[in-house]
Protein backbone atom coordinates (compact mmCIF):
# COMPACT_ATOMS: atom_id res chain seq x y z
CA MET A 1 183.58 107.00 148.26
CA SER A 2 181.50 105.75 145.34
CA ASN A 3 178.75 107.85 143.86
CA PRO A 4 175.22 107.16 145.16
CA LYS A 5 173.05 104.89 143.05
CA ILE A 6 171.03 106.45 140.28
CA TRP A 7 167.98 104.22 139.95
CA LEU A 8 165.99 103.49 136.82
CA SER A 9 162.75 104.65 138.46
CA SER A 10 162.52 105.05 142.21
CA PRO A 11 159.60 106.16 144.43
CA HIS A 12 159.10 109.91 144.70
CA MET A 13 157.09 111.16 147.64
CA GLY A 14 155.17 114.43 147.47
CA GLY A 15 155.18 115.32 151.18
CA SER A 16 151.53 114.89 152.18
CA GLU A 17 151.41 111.07 152.22
CA LEU A 18 152.20 110.83 155.95
CA ASN A 19 149.14 112.93 156.79
CA TYR A 20 146.82 110.33 155.25
CA ILE A 21 148.75 107.49 156.83
CA GLN A 22 148.39 109.21 160.20
CA ASP A 23 144.65 109.51 159.60
CA ALA A 24 144.51 105.74 159.13
CA PHE A 25 146.32 105.20 162.43
CA ASP A 26 144.26 107.80 164.28
CA SER A 27 141.01 106.19 163.13
CA ASN A 28 142.43 102.69 163.70
CA TRP A 29 141.60 101.64 160.14
CA ILE A 30 144.74 99.52 159.74
CA ALA A 31 142.92 97.19 157.40
CA PRO A 32 141.73 96.78 153.80
CA PHE A 33 138.84 99.12 154.61
CA GLY A 34 138.63 102.82 155.38
CA ALA A 35 138.25 106.36 154.09
CA ASN A 36 141.61 106.43 152.31
CA ILE A 37 140.52 103.64 149.97
CA THR A 38 137.23 105.32 149.12
CA GLU A 39 138.83 108.72 148.57
CA PHE A 40 141.75 107.33 146.56
CA GLU A 41 139.28 105.61 144.24
CA HIS A 42 137.28 108.84 143.92
CA ASP A 43 140.46 110.80 143.13
CA LEU A 44 141.29 108.39 140.31
CA GLU A 45 137.74 108.47 138.95
CA LYS A 46 137.81 112.26 138.89
CA TYR A 47 141.21 112.28 137.20
CA LEU A 48 140.12 109.88 134.48
CA SER A 49 136.88 111.88 134.02
CA HIS A 50 135.18 109.37 131.76
CA GLY A 51 132.37 108.02 133.90
CA VAL A 52 134.36 105.00 135.04
CA PHE A 53 134.41 103.12 138.35
CA VAL A 54 137.70 102.42 140.12
CA THR A 55 138.45 99.67 142.62
CA ALA A 56 141.80 99.81 144.42
CA LEU A 57 143.55 96.44 144.70
CA SER A 58 146.76 94.91 146.00
CA SER A 59 148.48 94.90 142.59
CA ALA A 60 147.95 95.36 138.87
CA THR A 61 148.49 91.63 138.47
CA ALA A 62 145.50 91.04 140.74
CA ALA A 63 143.56 93.54 138.64
CA ILE A 64 144.34 91.70 135.40
CA HIS A 65 143.38 88.41 137.03
CA LEU A 66 140.04 89.76 138.21
CA GLY A 67 139.56 91.40 134.81
CA LEU A 68 139.85 88.04 133.11
CA ILE A 69 137.34 86.57 135.56
CA LEU A 70 134.90 89.42 134.90
CA LEU A 71 135.31 88.70 131.17
CA ASN A 72 134.36 85.07 131.87
CA VAL A 73 137.73 83.59 130.85
CA LYS A 74 137.79 79.93 131.85
CA PRO A 75 140.16 76.94 131.55
CA GLY A 76 140.80 76.06 127.93
CA ASP A 77 139.93 79.51 126.59
CA ALA A 78 142.32 81.46 124.38
CA VAL A 79 143.45 84.94 125.39
CA ILE A 80 145.45 87.22 123.11
CA CYS A 81 148.28 89.23 124.66
CA GLN A 82 150.94 91.64 123.49
CA SER A 83 154.30 89.85 123.56
CA LEU A 84 156.55 92.82 124.34
CA THR A 85 155.50 93.42 127.93
CA PHE A 86 156.26 92.48 131.52
CA SER A 87 155.22 88.97 132.52
CA ALA A 88 152.46 90.29 134.80
CA SER A 89 150.41 91.07 131.70
CA ALA A 90 150.39 87.40 130.70
CA ASN A 91 150.69 85.36 133.90
CA PRO A 92 147.03 85.77 134.97
CA ILE A 93 146.02 84.01 131.74
CA LEU A 94 147.65 80.90 133.15
CA TYR A 95 146.08 81.53 136.57
CA GLN A 96 142.74 80.97 134.84
CA GLY A 97 143.92 77.83 133.07
CA ALA A 98 143.56 79.62 129.74
CA ALA A 99 146.06 79.61 126.86
CA PRO A 100 147.88 82.77 125.75
CA ILE A 101 148.37 83.75 122.13
CA PHE A 102 151.16 86.29 121.72
CA ILE A 103 151.22 89.14 119.21
CA ASP A 104 154.17 91.06 117.78
CA SER A 105 154.63 94.82 118.11
CA GLU A 106 154.53 97.51 115.44
CA SER A 107 157.35 100.03 115.15
CA GLN A 108 155.40 103.28 115.69
CA THR A 109 154.27 102.72 119.29
CA TRP A 110 156.10 99.44 120.07
CA ASN A 111 152.71 98.02 121.02
CA LEU A 112 150.24 95.43 119.72
CA CYS A 113 150.32 95.19 115.92
CA PRO A 114 146.72 95.41 114.59
CA ILE A 115 147.59 93.41 111.46
CA ALA A 116 149.17 90.54 113.39
CA LEU A 117 146.25 90.74 115.84
CA GLU A 118 143.67 90.13 113.14
CA ASN A 119 145.75 87.34 111.60
CA ALA A 120 145.86 85.62 114.98
CA ILE A 121 142.12 85.99 115.52
CA VAL A 122 141.24 84.63 112.07
CA ASP A 123 143.64 81.70 112.42
CA THR A 124 142.37 80.86 115.91
CA ILE A 125 138.74 80.98 114.77
CA ASN A 126 139.59 78.73 111.82
CA LYS A 127 140.92 76.25 114.36
CA GLY A 128 137.53 76.27 116.09
CA LEU A 129 138.26 78.59 119.00
CA VAL A 130 137.15 82.22 119.41
CA PRO A 131 139.56 84.21 121.64
CA LYS A 132 137.87 85.32 124.87
CA ALA A 133 139.82 88.56 125.40
CA ILE A 134 142.62 90.77 124.09
CA ILE A 135 145.16 92.13 126.58
CA THR A 136 146.57 95.38 125.24
CA VAL A 137 149.50 97.29 126.77
CA HIS A 138 150.60 100.94 126.69
CA LEU A 139 154.31 100.13 126.75
CA TYR A 140 156.48 102.54 128.74
CA GLY A 141 153.55 104.96 128.82
CA THR A 142 152.98 105.26 125.07
CA PRO A 143 149.40 104.51 123.97
CA TYR A 144 148.90 101.62 121.58
CA LYS A 145 147.09 102.10 118.25
CA ILE A 146 143.77 102.41 120.00
CA ASP A 147 141.45 103.02 117.05
CA GLU A 148 142.93 100.26 114.90
CA VAL A 149 142.99 97.68 117.70
CA ARG A 150 139.44 98.55 118.79
CA ALA A 151 138.22 98.18 115.19
CA VAL A 152 139.63 94.64 115.05
CA ALA A 153 138.24 93.76 118.48
CA ASN A 154 134.77 95.02 117.57
CA LYS A 155 134.84 93.23 114.21
CA TYR A 156 135.16 89.88 115.98
CA ASN A 157 133.26 90.90 119.15
CA ILE A 158 136.21 90.29 121.50
CA PRO A 159 136.55 92.47 124.64
CA ILE A 160 139.72 94.39 125.43
CA LEU A 161 141.48 94.21 128.79
CA GLU A 162 143.61 97.37 128.76
CA ASP A 163 146.87 97.09 130.70
CA SER A 164 147.64 100.70 131.62
CA ALA A 165 150.10 99.73 134.36
CA GLU A 166 152.74 102.05 132.89
CA ALA A 167 150.43 104.71 131.44
CA LEU A 168 148.69 106.67 134.20
CA GLY A 169 148.44 110.20 132.81
CA SER A 170 149.03 109.21 129.19
CA SER A 171 146.26 109.93 126.72
CA TYR A 172 145.05 109.45 123.16
CA LYS A 173 143.13 112.23 121.41
CA GLY A 174 142.69 113.88 124.81
CA GLN A 175 141.18 110.81 126.50
CA LYS A 176 143.10 109.27 129.37
CA CYS A 177 144.59 105.80 129.09
CA GLY A 178 142.76 103.44 131.39
CA THR A 179 139.41 104.33 129.82
CA PHE A 180 139.73 102.56 126.46
CA GLY A 181 139.29 98.95 127.52
CA ASP A 182 136.13 97.08 128.35
CA ILE A 183 138.10 96.63 131.57
CA SER A 184 141.36 98.44 132.38
CA VAL A 185 144.05 98.29 135.06
CA PHE A 186 146.72 100.50 136.64
CA SER A 187 149.82 99.72 138.69
CA PHE A 188 151.06 101.65 141.72
CA ASN A 189 154.21 99.61 142.24
CA GLY A 190 157.19 101.44 143.71
CA ASN A 191 158.69 102.20 140.29
CA LYS A 192 155.57 103.72 138.69
CA ILE A 193 154.56 107.36 138.06
CA ILE A 194 152.89 107.33 141.48
CA THR A 195 153.07 104.57 144.05
CA THR A 196 151.15 103.10 146.97
CA SER A 197 154.30 101.05 147.78
CA GLY A 198 152.59 98.11 146.11
CA GLY A 199 149.15 98.22 144.62
CA GLY A 200 146.95 98.51 141.58
CA ALA A 201 143.46 99.33 140.44
CA ILE A 202 140.82 97.95 138.11
CA ILE A 203 138.64 100.28 136.06
CA THR A 204 135.16 99.14 135.08
CA SER A 205 132.24 100.73 133.27
CA SER A 206 129.50 100.19 135.86
CA GLN A 207 128.80 100.18 139.57
CA GLN A 208 127.60 96.60 139.22
CA LEU A 209 131.00 95.46 137.93
CA LYS A 210 132.73 97.40 140.70
CA LYS A 211 130.63 95.61 143.33
CA LYS A 212 131.43 92.28 141.71
CA THR A 213 135.14 93.15 141.76
CA GLN A 214 135.01 94.11 145.43
CA PHE A 215 133.18 90.87 146.20
CA LEU A 216 135.78 88.71 144.44
CA ALA A 217 138.70 90.68 145.91
CA SER A 218 137.49 90.13 149.48
CA GLN A 219 137.29 86.32 149.41
CA ALA A 220 133.80 86.29 147.83
CA LYS A 221 131.95 86.34 151.14
CA ASP A 222 128.22 85.80 150.74
CA GLU A 223 125.76 87.96 152.66
CA ALA A 224 125.30 85.94 155.83
CA PRO A 225 125.97 86.36 159.56
CA HIS A 226 128.58 83.61 159.25
CA TYR A 227 131.36 83.13 156.70
CA GLN A 228 129.75 81.52 153.68
CA HIS A 229 131.25 81.20 150.21
CA SER A 230 129.49 80.15 147.01
CA GLU A 231 132.22 81.39 144.64
CA LEU A 232 136.00 81.28 144.59
CA GLY A 233 137.35 84.52 146.03
CA PHE A 234 140.75 86.16 146.42
CA ASN A 235 142.63 88.29 148.93
CA TYR A 236 143.24 91.18 146.55
CA GLN A 237 142.16 94.25 148.55
CA MET A 238 144.35 97.29 149.03
CA SER A 239 145.33 98.36 152.55
CA ASN A 240 143.88 101.61 153.88
CA ILE A 241 147.45 102.65 154.73
CA CYS A 242 148.66 102.06 151.16
CA ALA A 243 145.66 103.97 149.84
CA GLY A 244 146.71 106.87 152.07
CA ILE A 245 150.03 106.98 150.26
CA GLY A 246 148.07 106.99 147.01
CA ARG A 247 145.98 109.98 148.09
CA GLY A 248 149.12 111.97 148.74
CA GLN A 249 150.65 110.85 145.46
CA MET A 250 147.62 111.95 143.44
CA LYS A 251 148.39 115.52 144.49
CA VAL A 252 151.73 115.40 142.65
CA LEU A 253 150.76 113.16 139.72
CA ASP A 254 150.75 115.90 137.06
CA LYS A 255 154.00 117.29 138.42
CA HIS A 256 155.62 113.83 138.23
CA ILE A 257 154.43 113.41 134.64
CA ALA A 258 155.94 116.76 133.70
CA LEU A 259 159.24 115.78 135.32
CA ARG A 260 159.31 112.42 133.50
CA ARG A 261 158.67 114.18 130.20
CA ALA A 262 161.48 116.62 131.04
CA MET A 263 163.80 113.64 131.52
CA HIS A 264 162.76 112.41 128.09
CA ASP A 265 163.60 115.83 126.62
CA PHE A 266 166.99 115.64 128.36
CA TYR A 267 167.80 112.39 126.57
CA VAL A 268 166.54 113.69 123.22
CA SER A 269 168.97 116.60 123.55
CA LEU A 270 171.79 114.38 124.81
CA PHE A 271 171.64 111.95 121.88
CA GLU A 272 170.72 114.49 119.20
CA ASN A 273 174.14 114.47 117.53
CA ILE A 274 175.29 110.97 118.45
CA PRO A 275 175.15 108.52 115.52
CA GLY A 276 173.48 105.17 116.07
CA ILE A 277 171.32 106.16 119.06
CA THR A 278 167.59 106.81 118.67
CA VAL A 279 165.38 107.99 121.53
CA PHE A 280 161.91 106.43 121.33
CA SER A 281 159.41 109.27 121.08
CA THR A 282 155.81 109.80 120.07
CA THR A 283 155.56 112.15 117.09
CA ASP A 284 151.82 111.98 116.40
CA PRO A 285 150.05 114.80 118.34
CA ASP A 286 147.15 112.43 119.09
CA TYR A 287 149.48 110.42 121.35
CA PHE A 288 150.50 111.89 124.70
CA SER A 289 152.99 109.73 126.62
CA ASN A 290 153.88 110.13 130.27
CA TYR A 291 157.30 108.68 129.29
CA TRP A 292 157.30 106.53 132.39
CA LEU A 293 160.62 105.21 131.09
CA THR A 294 162.65 106.79 128.33
CA SER A 295 164.16 104.14 126.06
CA ILE A 296 166.71 104.18 123.28
CA LEU A 297 167.56 101.95 120.34
CA VAL A 298 171.25 101.33 119.67
CA ASP A 299 172.54 100.49 116.19
CA PRO A 300 176.10 99.13 116.54
CA ALA A 301 176.64 99.56 112.79
CA LYS A 302 176.47 103.33 113.29
CA THR A 303 177.87 103.95 116.77
CA LYS A 304 181.49 104.76 117.53
CA ASN A 305 183.59 101.57 117.53
CA GLY A 306 180.45 99.48 117.11
CA ILE A 307 179.29 100.12 120.67
CA ASP A 308 176.11 98.18 121.45
CA LYS A 309 173.40 98.50 124.09
CA GLU A 310 175.10 96.05 126.44
CA THR A 311 178.30 98.10 126.43
CA ILE A 312 176.28 101.18 127.34
CA ARG A 313 174.45 99.30 130.09
CA LEU A 314 177.65 97.95 131.64
CA THR A 315 179.42 101.30 131.40
CA LEU A 316 176.58 102.98 133.25
CA LEU A 317 176.51 100.14 135.78
CA ASP A 318 180.22 100.70 136.48
CA SER A 319 179.29 104.28 137.39
CA ASN A 320 176.50 103.03 139.70
CA ILE A 321 173.78 104.08 137.24
CA GLU A 322 170.95 101.62 136.65
CA CYS A 323 169.50 100.96 133.22
CA ARG A 324 167.82 97.88 131.79
CA PRO A 325 167.14 96.15 128.49
CA LEU A 326 163.59 96.42 127.19
CA TRP A 327 161.13 93.76 128.32
CA LYS A 328 162.05 90.38 126.89
CA PRO A 329 159.09 89.36 124.69
CA MET A 330 156.85 86.75 126.22
CA HIS A 331 157.10 84.41 123.23
CA LEU A 332 160.87 84.20 123.86
CA GLN A 333 160.47 83.39 127.56
CA PRO A 334 161.04 79.76 128.63
CA LEU A 335 157.63 79.72 130.34
CA TYR A 336 155.79 80.73 127.16
CA LYS A 337 157.95 79.47 124.28
CA ASN A 338 155.47 76.74 123.28
CA TYR A 339 152.45 79.03 122.91
CA PRO A 340 151.39 80.54 119.56
CA PHE A 341 152.99 83.75 118.32
CA TYR A 342 151.87 85.87 115.40
CA GLY A 343 153.94 88.51 113.67
CA GLY A 344 157.52 89.07 112.61
CA LYS A 345 160.70 90.19 114.35
CA THR A 346 159.75 93.67 115.59
CA ALA A 347 159.48 92.84 119.30
CA GLU A 348 162.56 90.64 119.14
CA THR A 349 164.61 93.33 117.41
CA LEU A 350 163.48 95.97 119.92
CA PHE A 351 164.59 93.70 122.76
CA GLU A 352 167.95 93.05 121.11
CA ASN A 353 168.72 96.74 120.60
CA GLY A 354 166.67 98.61 123.21
CA LEU A 355 167.66 100.04 126.57
CA SER A 356 165.61 101.90 129.19
CA LEU A 357 167.47 104.73 130.92
CA PRO A 358 167.03 106.36 134.36
CA SER A 359 163.76 108.26 134.11
CA GLY A 360 162.61 109.02 137.63
CA SER A 361 160.80 112.23 138.48
CA ASN A 362 163.17 112.71 141.43
CA LEU A 363 166.43 112.81 139.45
CA SER A 364 168.52 115.90 140.16
CA ASP A 365 170.67 118.13 137.97
CA ALA A 366 173.69 116.38 139.48
CA ASP A 367 172.24 113.01 138.47
CA ARG A 368 171.70 114.22 134.92
CA GLU A 369 175.24 115.55 134.78
CA ARG A 370 176.63 112.18 135.87
CA ILE A 371 174.56 110.37 133.25
CA GLN A 372 175.60 112.82 130.55
CA ILE A 373 179.30 112.66 131.34
CA CYS A 374 179.26 108.86 131.45
CA ILE A 375 177.49 108.51 128.09
CA LEU A 376 179.46 111.23 126.29
CA ASN A 377 182.76 109.78 127.48
CA LEU A 378 181.75 106.48 125.93
CA LEU A 379 180.11 107.65 122.71
CA SER A 380 181.55 111.04 121.73
């Protein structure tokens, strides 16, 4: 019998989720309305503790889309976006008929390079177009260079849409990620720190923006006894049942973060004496990462027998252990290859040499032993 699958990042239930789901059934709120939604939003607002307003939605992609609308992005506008990210960060730009401009990463956080960002802004302005927004990303849970990026954004008066899909629980200088953007978003997809099975949230700075978000997310229904619509709306609301899962997950969020960080420590120890393998870590005490995924860089010039990241991936796959290359940069994707890109080869090099390893908060000692044996047999 083959060993059970070790997943990259699978859902991890805390035990109380069914109670909130049962409440939804008992009250017959099997709809995108109900107490679970309200309380889940309140739980997130309390956790972020920065005077923000949270609206639960059907996905983080929906949240980014609505964020762009709230920032008045229209067809023909330019929107700057980190290149090394999942496509959901960039796709809503096209939903709005706008044009993305992609930015390289820097090596410290793997996120948006402030120097390349300013070069892109200056060049775009010189071409007669002021970018409407900057989409920043906390890749794999590590905060981007928040002060430097904000300084550039403020210099040119461009709002930031903060993609914190992977960074719930991460922080910079003690302030939680998800509170640094003019608008921010979270993801609760099944592979995230906590999940609502599928879902997301948008974080705004005022009750007025929250009401506008709720209006747009519920098909933009005007106040009338009949169905009347003066604006384009969307079906982006979260289900009361999904929000119930979220309420239960919030109770174990800090525990899940601690377990993810323990997995990161496991890999740091595992690769400590193995040449050619570097575990991506934050060394600056101002940066606190949830280490949603722990990733490594593989240098075939230094590893035993020139082993590269693909050899490691396939070896683990043969043992029924899932791992994945880093996100393929957007400017290298067929969909986006003709859009502007500013920077060098950092994102491209990270993609060529990087690998994300199983990082779930529900991995067992037996799982870790299997991973360790497989890797040491290959690399020792």
